[in-house]
Protein backbone atom coordinates (compact mmCIF):
# COMPACT_ATOMS: atom_id res chain seq x y z
CA MET A 1 94.98 77.94 89.23
CA PHE A 2 98.21 79.94 88.87
CA SER A 3 100.46 81.26 86.14
CA THR A 4 103.80 79.98 87.37
CA THR A 5 107.54 80.11 86.77
CA PRO A 6 109.93 77.12 86.92
CA LEU A 7 110.59 77.97 90.57
CA TYR A 8 107.07 76.84 91.44
CA GLU A 9 107.67 73.30 90.22
CA VAL A 10 111.10 72.89 91.79
CA ASN A 11 109.83 74.06 95.19
CA LEU A 12 106.62 72.04 95.05
CA TYR A 13 108.43 68.84 94.07
CA PRO A 14 111.84 68.86 95.81
CA GLN A 15 114.52 66.26 95.35
CA GLN A 16 114.10 63.09 97.39
CA GLY A 17 115.10 63.53 101.04
CA LYS A 18 115.34 67.33 100.84
CA LYS A 19 113.44 69.03 103.66
CA ILE A 20 115.08 72.48 103.51
CA LEU A 21 114.75 74.36 100.22
CA ILE A 22 117.05 77.38 100.01
CA ASN A 23 116.04 79.84 97.30
CA GLN A 24 119.01 82.09 96.61
CA GLY A 25 118.14 84.52 93.87
CA GLY A 26 118.57 87.82 92.13
CA THR A 27 116.04 90.58 91.83
CA TRP A 28 112.77 89.91 89.95
CA SER A 29 113.40 86.15 89.94
CA ALA A 30 109.90 85.52 91.43
CA LYS A 31 111.35 83.37 94.22
CA THR A 32 109.08 84.79 96.95
CA TYR A 33 106.00 84.78 94.72
CA SER A 34 106.64 81.19 93.61
CA ILE A 35 107.14 79.92 97.16
CA LEU A 36 103.88 81.59 98.21
CA GLN A 37 102.08 79.85 95.32
CA VAL A 38 103.53 76.55 96.56
CA LEU A 39 102.29 77.22 100.09
CA PHE A 40 98.77 77.98 98.82
CA THR A 41 98.87 74.71 96.89
CA LEU A 42 99.99 72.72 99.93
CA ALA A 43 97.34 74.36 102.10
CA ILE A 44 94.66 73.20 99.67
CA GLN A 45 96.04 69.71 99.02
CA GLU A 46 96.63 68.84 102.69
CA PRO A 47 93.85 69.62 105.21
CA ASN A 48 94.56 71.12 108.63
CA GLN A 49 98.06 72.33 107.84
CA VAL A 50 99.74 75.13 109.80
CA ILE A 51 101.93 77.20 107.49
CA THR A 52 104.04 79.98 109.00
CA ILE A 53 105.59 82.77 106.97
CA VAL A 54 108.27 84.64 108.92
CA GLY A 55 109.82 88.02 108.16
CA GLN A 56 112.31 90.30 109.85
CA ASP A 57 109.39 92.43 111.02
CA ILE A 58 105.80 93.16 110.10
CA PRO A 59 106.63 96.15 107.82
CA ASN A 60 108.85 93.90 105.70
CA LEU A 61 106.08 91.30 105.50
CA LYS A 62 103.46 93.90 104.58
CA SER A 63 105.53 95.29 101.73
CA GLY A 64 106.55 91.83 100.52
CA ALA A 65 104.98 88.46 101.36
CA ILE A 66 101.63 89.78 102.59
CA ARG A 67 101.16 92.05 99.57
CA ASP A 68 102.16 89.24 97.19
CA SER A 69 99.76 86.84 98.93
CA LYS A 70 96.89 89.28 98.50
CA ASN A 71 97.74 89.64 94.81
CA ILE A 72 97.87 85.87 94.33
CA ILE A 73 94.41 85.50 95.87
CA ARG A 74 93.02 88.45 93.92
CA ASP A 75 94.24 87.05 90.60
CA SER A 76 92.78 83.54 91.07
CA SER A 77 89.02 83.14 91.35
CA LEU A 78 89.58 79.39 91.73
CA LEU A 79 91.90 79.89 94.72
CA GLN A 80 89.31 82.16 96.36
CA LYS A 81 86.86 79.24 96.52
CA PHE A 82 89.17 77.41 98.94
CA ILE A 83 89.61 80.33 101.38
CA LYS A 84 87.18 81.58 104.01
CA PRO A 85 86.43 85.23 103.24
CA ILE A 86 86.68 87.83 105.99
CA SER A 87 84.33 90.12 104.12
CA ASN A 88 83.24 90.62 100.53
CA GLY A 89 86.37 90.32 98.43
CA ASN A 90 88.71 90.24 101.45
CA PHE A 91 90.43 86.96 102.30
CA TYR A 92 93.19 88.20 104.61
CA ASN A 93 92.58 88.81 108.31
CA GLU A 94 94.50 92.02 108.99
CA SER A 95 94.25 91.87 112.78
CA GLU A 96 95.27 88.21 113.11
CA LYS A 97 97.60 88.26 110.07
CA LEU A 98 95.99 85.05 108.94
CA ILE A 99 94.54 83.31 105.89
CA THR A 100 92.09 80.51 106.74
CA PHE A 101 91.06 77.73 104.34
CA TRP A 102 87.78 75.82 104.34
CA ASN A 103 89.67 72.52 104.88
CA GLY A 104 91.17 73.73 108.18
CA SER A 105 94.58 74.81 106.88
CA ILE A 106 95.94 78.23 107.84
CA ILE A 107 98.70 80.50 106.60
CA GLU A 108 99.99 82.82 109.34
CA PHE A 109 102.42 85.72 109.07
CA LYS A 110 104.82 86.19 111.99
CA SER A 111 107.89 88.05 113.18
CA TYR A 112 109.97 87.19 116.25
CA THR A 113 112.06 89.47 118.43
CA ASN A 114 114.36 86.83 119.93
CA GLU A 115 115.13 83.13 120.30
CA GLN A 116 112.74 82.70 123.24
CA ASP A 117 109.90 84.28 121.31
CA ALA A 118 110.46 81.83 118.46
CA LYS A 119 109.87 78.84 120.75
CA SER A 120 106.13 79.41 120.73
CA GLY A 121 104.01 77.37 118.34
CA LYS A 122 104.53 74.44 115.97
CA ARG A 123 103.85 74.17 112.28
CA ASP A 124 103.90 71.84 109.29
CA TYR A 125 105.56 74.22 106.81
CA LEU A 126 107.86 77.20 107.42
CA PHE A 127 108.84 79.97 105.02
CA VAL A 128 111.57 82.34 106.21
CA ASN A 129 111.27 85.30 103.86
CA GLU A 130 114.45 87.37 103.31
CA SER A 131 116.35 85.05 105.62
CA ASN A 132 119.38 87.32 105.89
CA GLY A 133 117.23 89.61 108.05
CA ILE A 134 116.59 86.82 110.60
CA SER A 135 119.13 85.66 113.20
CA TYR A 136 120.28 82.05 113.21
CA PRO A 137 119.09 81.35 116.81
CA ILE A 138 115.56 82.44 115.82
CA TYR A 139 115.67 80.28 112.69
CA LYS A 140 116.95 77.30 114.69
CA GLN A 141 114.03 77.41 117.12
CA LEU A 142 111.54 77.75 114.28
CA ALA A 143 113.11 74.86 112.37
CA LEU A 144 112.99 72.57 115.42
CA ARG A 145 109.23 73.12 115.56
CA THR A 146 108.55 72.53 111.86
CA GLY A 147 107.34 69.09 110.85
CA LYS A 148 107.45 68.79 107.07
CA ARG A 149 109.35 71.30 104.99
CA ILE A 150 111.22 74.61 105.27
CA PHE A 151 111.59 77.26 102.55
CA LEU A 152 114.08 80.13 102.71
CA ASP A 153 114.77 82.96 100.28
CA TYR A 154 117.17 85.92 100.06
CA ASN A 155 119.24 88.13 97.78
CA PRO A 156 122.84 86.95 98.28
CA THR A 157 124.57 90.30 98.91
CA VAL A 158 127.01 88.69 101.37
CA GLU A 159 127.46 85.34 103.06
CA PHE A 160 125.52 84.78 106.29
CA TRP A 161 124.38 81.89 108.51
CA VAL A 162 122.68 79.99 105.66
CA HIS A 163 126.10 79.57 104.05
CA ASP A 164 127.79 78.61 107.32
CA GLU A 165 125.14 76.42 108.92
CA LEU A 166 122.91 74.93 106.20
CA LEU A 167 124.50 74.68 102.76
CA GLY A 168 126.04 71.27 102.25
CA LEU A 169 123.77 69.40 104.67
CA PRO A 170 122.20 66.26 103.12
CA GLU A 171 118.64 67.50 103.73
CA VAL A 172 119.26 70.85 102.00
CA GLN A 173 118.50 71.69 98.35
CA LEU A 174 119.96 74.93 96.98
CA ILE A 175 117.94 76.62 94.24
CA ILE A 176 119.64 79.55 92.48
CA SER A 177 117.45 81.75 90.32
CA ASP A 178 117.51 85.10 88.54
CA HIS A 179 115.28 87.32 86.43
CA ARG A 180 115.65 85.04 83.40
CA HIS A 181 113.43 82.49 85.17
CA ASN A 182 110.58 85.01 85.31
CA ARG A 183 108.75 85.28 81.99
CA PHE A 184 106.18 87.69 83.40
CA ILE A 185 108.35 90.80 83.55
CA PRO A 186 108.76 93.06 80.49
CA GLU A 187 111.80 92.88 78.25
CA GLU A 188 113.00 96.35 79.31
CA LYS A 189 113.24 95.17 82.94
CA HIS A 190 115.27 92.14 81.86
CA GLN A 191 117.57 94.45 79.92
CA GLU A 192 117.92 96.89 82.82
CA ILE A 193 119.13 94.09 85.08
CA GLU A 194 121.45 92.70 82.41
CA ASN A 195 122.97 96.17 81.95
CA LEU A 196 124.17 96.11 85.56
CA ARG A 197 127.16 94.08 84.31
CA TYR A 198 128.48 97.24 82.65
CA GLU A 199 128.06 99.40 85.77
CA ASP A 200 129.12 97.13 88.64
CA TYR A 201 129.84 93.47 88.07
CA GLU A 202 129.60 92.57 91.76
CA LEU A 203 126.12 94.07 91.89
CA PHE A 204 125.26 92.22 88.68
CA LYS A 205 126.39 88.91 90.19
CA VAL A 206 124.08 89.40 93.16
CA TYR A 207 120.99 90.88 91.50
CA GLY A 208 121.44 89.65 87.95
CA ARG A 209 122.59 86.09 88.57
CA GLY A 210 121.78 85.29 92.20
CA ILE A 211 125.43 84.54 93.01
CA THR A 212 126.73 85.31 96.49
CA GLY A 213 128.61 88.58 96.33
CA LYS A 214 130.69 90.90 98.43
CA LEU A 215 129.21 94.31 97.82
CA GLN A 216 131.72 97.10 98.33
CA GLY A 217 131.50 100.83 98.09
CA LEU A 218 128.24 101.31 99.97
CA ILE A 219 127.36 104.99 99.79
CA PHE A 220 125.43 105.32 103.04
CA ARG A 221 126.74 103.74 106.21
CA ASN A 222 125.52 106.42 108.61
CA TYR A 223 122.00 105.11 109.16
CA ASN A 224 120.00 103.50 111.96
CA ILE A 225 116.68 101.66 112.11
CA VAL A 226 114.29 103.22 114.63
CA ASP A 227 110.78 102.47 115.84
CA SER A 228 109.29 105.89 115.16
CA ILE A 229 109.99 109.56 114.61
CA PRO A 230 110.25 111.67 117.80
CA ASP A 231 107.28 113.89 118.60
CA TYR A 232 109.59 116.89 118.79
CA ALA A 233 111.04 116.35 115.29
CA SER A 234 110.62 119.17 112.77
CA PHE A 235 109.12 118.37 109.40
CA ILE A 236 111.35 119.29 106.46
CA ALA A 237 109.51 118.15 103.33
CA THR A 238 108.12 115.19 101.41
CA GLY A 239 110.12 113.73 98.51
CA LEU A 240 108.43 112.18 95.48
CA ASP A 241 109.85 110.12 92.61
CA PHE A 242 107.55 109.06 89.76
CA GLY A 243 107.30 105.48 88.55
CA TYR A 244 104.69 103.39 86.80
CA THR A 245 104.80 99.95 85.18
CA ASN A 246 108.29 98.66 85.87
CA ASP A 247 109.52 101.00 88.59
CA PRO A 248 107.65 101.96 91.75
CA THR A 249 106.55 105.44 92.70
CA GLY A 250 108.58 106.36 95.77
CA CYS A 251 107.50 108.87 98.40
CA ILE A 252 109.20 109.66 101.70
CA ASP A 253 108.71 112.10 104.57
CA VAL A 254 111.84 113.75 105.97
CA TYR A 255 112.18 115.22 109.47
CA MET A 256 115.00 116.64 111.56
CA ALA A 257 115.69 116.24 115.28
CA ASN A 258 118.87 116.58 117.32
CA GLY A 259 120.80 117.44 114.17
CA GLN A 260 119.87 114.10 112.57
CA LEU A 261 117.52 113.17 109.74
CA TRP A 262 114.51 110.95 110.32
CA VAL A 263 112.77 109.41 107.32
CA ASP A 264 109.51 107.54 106.89
CA GLU A 265 108.45 105.72 103.74
CA LYS A 266 104.96 106.63 102.57
CA ILE A 267 104.58 105.07 99.09
CA TYR A 268 106.48 102.37 97.22
CA GLU A 269 104.17 100.94 94.55
CA THR A 270 104.07 100.29 90.83
CA GLY A 271 101.15 101.16 88.56
CA MET A 272 100.23 104.43 90.26
CA THR A 273 98.78 107.17 88.06
CA ASN A 274 99.03 110.82 89.04
CA LEU A 275 95.41 110.63 90.17
CA ASP A 276 96.30 107.65 92.37
CA ILE A 277 99.15 109.63 93.91
CA ALA A 278 96.95 112.66 94.59
CA ASN A 279 94.27 110.46 96.13
CA ARG A 280 96.86 108.78 98.33
CA PHE A 281 98.01 112.17 99.59
CA THR A 282 94.40 112.94 100.50
CA SER A 283 94.06 109.61 102.34
CA PHE A 284 97.06 110.55 104.50
CA GLY A 285 95.15 113.60 105.74
CA TRP A 286 97.96 115.93 104.73
CA ASP A 287 97.70 119.72 104.87
CA LYS A 288 97.70 121.23 101.37
CA LYS A 289 100.54 123.54 102.48
CA ARG A 290 102.90 120.58 102.89
CA GLU A 291 105.84 120.97 100.49
CA ILE A 292 106.29 117.97 98.20
CA ILE A 293 109.55 118.00 96.24
CA ALA A 294 109.35 115.93 93.07
CA ASP A 295 111.55 114.88 90.17
CA SER A 296 112.00 117.97 87.98
CA ALA A 297 112.26 115.72 84.91
CA GLU A 298 108.47 115.20 85.17
CA PRO A 299 106.99 118.74 84.91
CA LYS A 300 103.74 117.44 83.41
CA SER A 301 103.19 115.09 86.36
CA ILE A 302 104.02 117.85 88.82
CA ASP A 303 101.46 120.17 87.25
CA GLU A 304 98.82 117.47 87.05
CA ILE A 305 99.10 116.56 90.75
CA LYS A 306 99.00 120.25 91.69
CA ASN A 307 95.83 120.69 89.65
CA LEU A 308 94.21 117.52 91.00
CA GLY A 309 94.02 118.75 94.56
CA GLY A 310 95.90 121.96 95.07
CA TRP A 311 98.95 120.15 96.38
CA LYS A 312 102.13 122.17 96.83
CA VAL A 313 104.37 120.13 94.52
CA VAL A 314 107.65 121.78 93.50
CA PRO A 315 110.49 120.51 91.29
CA ALA A 316 113.82 119.41 92.71
CA GLU A 317 116.55 121.99 92.13
CA LYS A 318 118.78 119.85 89.96
CA GLY A 319 121.92 121.13 88.35
CA PRO A 320 125.44 120.05 87.36
CA ASP A 321 126.68 117.32 89.73
CA SER A 322 123.38 117.44 91.63
CA VAL A 323 123.43 113.70 92.29
CA LYS A 324 126.85 113.79 93.95
CA ASN A 325 126.10 117.08 95.69
CA SER A 326 122.88 115.77 97.21
CA ILE A 327 124.65 112.62 98.39
CA ASP A 328 127.38 114.76 99.97
CA ILE A 329 124.69 116.75 101.79
CA LEU A 330 123.00 113.61 103.11
CA LYS A 331 126.30 112.11 104.28
CA ARG A 332 126.69 114.98 106.73
CA TYR A 333 123.82 113.54 108.76
CA VAL A 334 123.01 110.43 110.71
CA ILE A 335 119.89 109.10 108.97
CA ASN A 336 117.24 107.33 111.06
CA ILE A 337 114.88 105.09 109.07
CA THR A 338 111.58 103.99 110.60
CA ARG A 339 111.29 100.26 111.04
CA ARG A 340 108.23 100.06 108.83
CA SER A 341 110.15 101.61 105.89
CA ALA A 342 111.10 98.21 104.51
CA ASN A 343 112.00 99.26 100.96
CA THR A 344 114.05 102.20 102.21
CA LYS A 345 116.20 99.84 104.25
CA LYS A 346 116.75 97.59 101.24
CA GLU A 347 117.83 100.49 99.05
CA PHE A 348 120.31 101.75 101.64
CA GLN A 349 121.81 98.26 101.79
CA SER A 350 122.54 98.11 98.05
CA TYR A 351 123.19 101.72 96.99
CA ILE A 352 126.84 101.73 95.88
CA TRP A 353 129.38 103.77 93.93
CA LYS A 354 130.39 102.84 90.41
CA VAL A 355 133.94 101.56 90.17
CA ASP A 356 136.48 102.11 87.40
CA LYS A 357 137.07 98.62 86.03
CA ALA A 358 140.66 99.35 85.07
CA THR A 359 141.82 100.91 88.34
CA GLY A 360 139.27 99.62 90.85
CA LYS A 361 138.79 103.16 92.14
CA SER A 362 135.42 104.73 92.96
CA LEU A 363 134.03 107.06 90.30
CA ASN A 364 131.87 109.02 92.78
CA ILE A 365 128.84 108.19 90.65
CA PRO A 366 126.17 105.92 92.14
CA VAL A 367 124.94 102.86 90.29
CA ASP A 368 121.49 103.77 88.97
CA PHE A 369 119.65 100.84 90.53
CA LYS A 370 117.21 100.40 93.44
CA ASN A 371 116.98 104.13 94.19
CA HIS A 372 113.26 104.88 94.10
CA ILE A 373 113.28 106.11 97.70
CA ILE A 374 116.84 107.42 97.80
CA ASP A 375 116.14 109.71 94.82
CA PRO A 376 113.26 111.56 96.54
CA LEU A 377 115.42 111.80 99.66
CA ARG A 378 118.05 113.47 97.48
CA TYR A 379 115.45 115.90 96.13
CA VAL A 380 114.68 117.02 99.67
CA ALA A 381 118.40 117.44 100.33
CA LEU A 382 118.84 119.61 97.24
CA ASN A 383 115.95 121.93 98.04
CA LYS A 384 115.95 122.03 101.82
CA LEU A 385 119.30 120.93 103.25
CA SER A 386 121.85 122.85 101.19
CA ASN A 387 123.57 125.88 102.74
CA ASN A 388 120.99 128.29 101.32
CA ALA A 389 117.94 126.12 101.91
CA ALA A 390 115.03 127.10 104.10
CA LYS A 391 114.87 125.91 107.70
CA PRO A 392 112.61 122.99 108.67
CA THR A 393 109.02 123.76 109.58
CA LYS A 394 107.29 122.77 112.79
CA ARG A 395 106.35 119.16 113.45
CA ALA A 396 103.79 117.89 110.93
CA LYS A 397 101.18 115.23 111.47
CA PHE A 398 102.73 111.76 111.37
CA ASN A 399 100.48 108.96 110.19
CA PHE A 400 101.12 105.35 111.13
């Protein structure tokens, strides 16, 4: 039914007496995807099961576990036979955030604001996705109301309540994974992750080997998570970074209000052609006069998107030291990130300076990793926020 990694087997068949399976892993290890495959299997094998997948908030779930679940269903015609369709080809109930099986089992996607909120409902299986974004009191209430098994996953950037409260308990099984367990990613992605050891070993430990780290040298600390962008905010520009097979296309809207920057993630997807990008712009209902600042290293893509729909796409004004200069510009501002911008938050949490291995001093060069939203934000800074840049325009339409 599925093409699986070793993580599927170890989560489906835990060690005897282990109720809590902690999946600590690096990037691209397929831990989330494998756990979801396990949950689909359990839902089919055991009728009338309630399976709850919990995330920090709905935007995080939509960009992660919900999207992966849709892909798993899409890629398995056999799995589709066990699920009640909502409509032709659609097996996920968007309004209820629910997947319903013919045998009475359900998979529900939830987020909880506080401990009291988490007291509602019971379940057979619980999956706490990106557990380091969930508070321990919320987890505790969810765990108390879970009958059979609990799955957790996270990137181990720093120690948190899992290390203090769960690891070492007799009912806990720790599963450490990394990209080498995932045979479905291309060799160049494996090599990119392995090369982190030469740029920042602490980052390599976390994302390359799934070992708990202590990330230092974070570049951006001046950011907040906010619900939305104020109505009175002035639109500055849209930033665009091109990706395709291995790296996502990143697109972000940038606003200014009260002397602070406000950013909203619009696109973070792999496999997008230039036609896909242009069509997505159209679906947003954007005015063709909107300025979209893109990676100047892709002039062919810039021209193609301009020709596809008359979009005002301009190259970023790169130059000597433009990376450091754009970071310096951005660090002048408090940056407010909309809550739904899940990938933006993750990039801000792992964007660090390279360190001289001999002296331990910062090199003022960022590690080139997980920057597919930060790069387009830098492009906007170069073109629109430098001393000679144009002033922000009036408030543009904001699409939720």
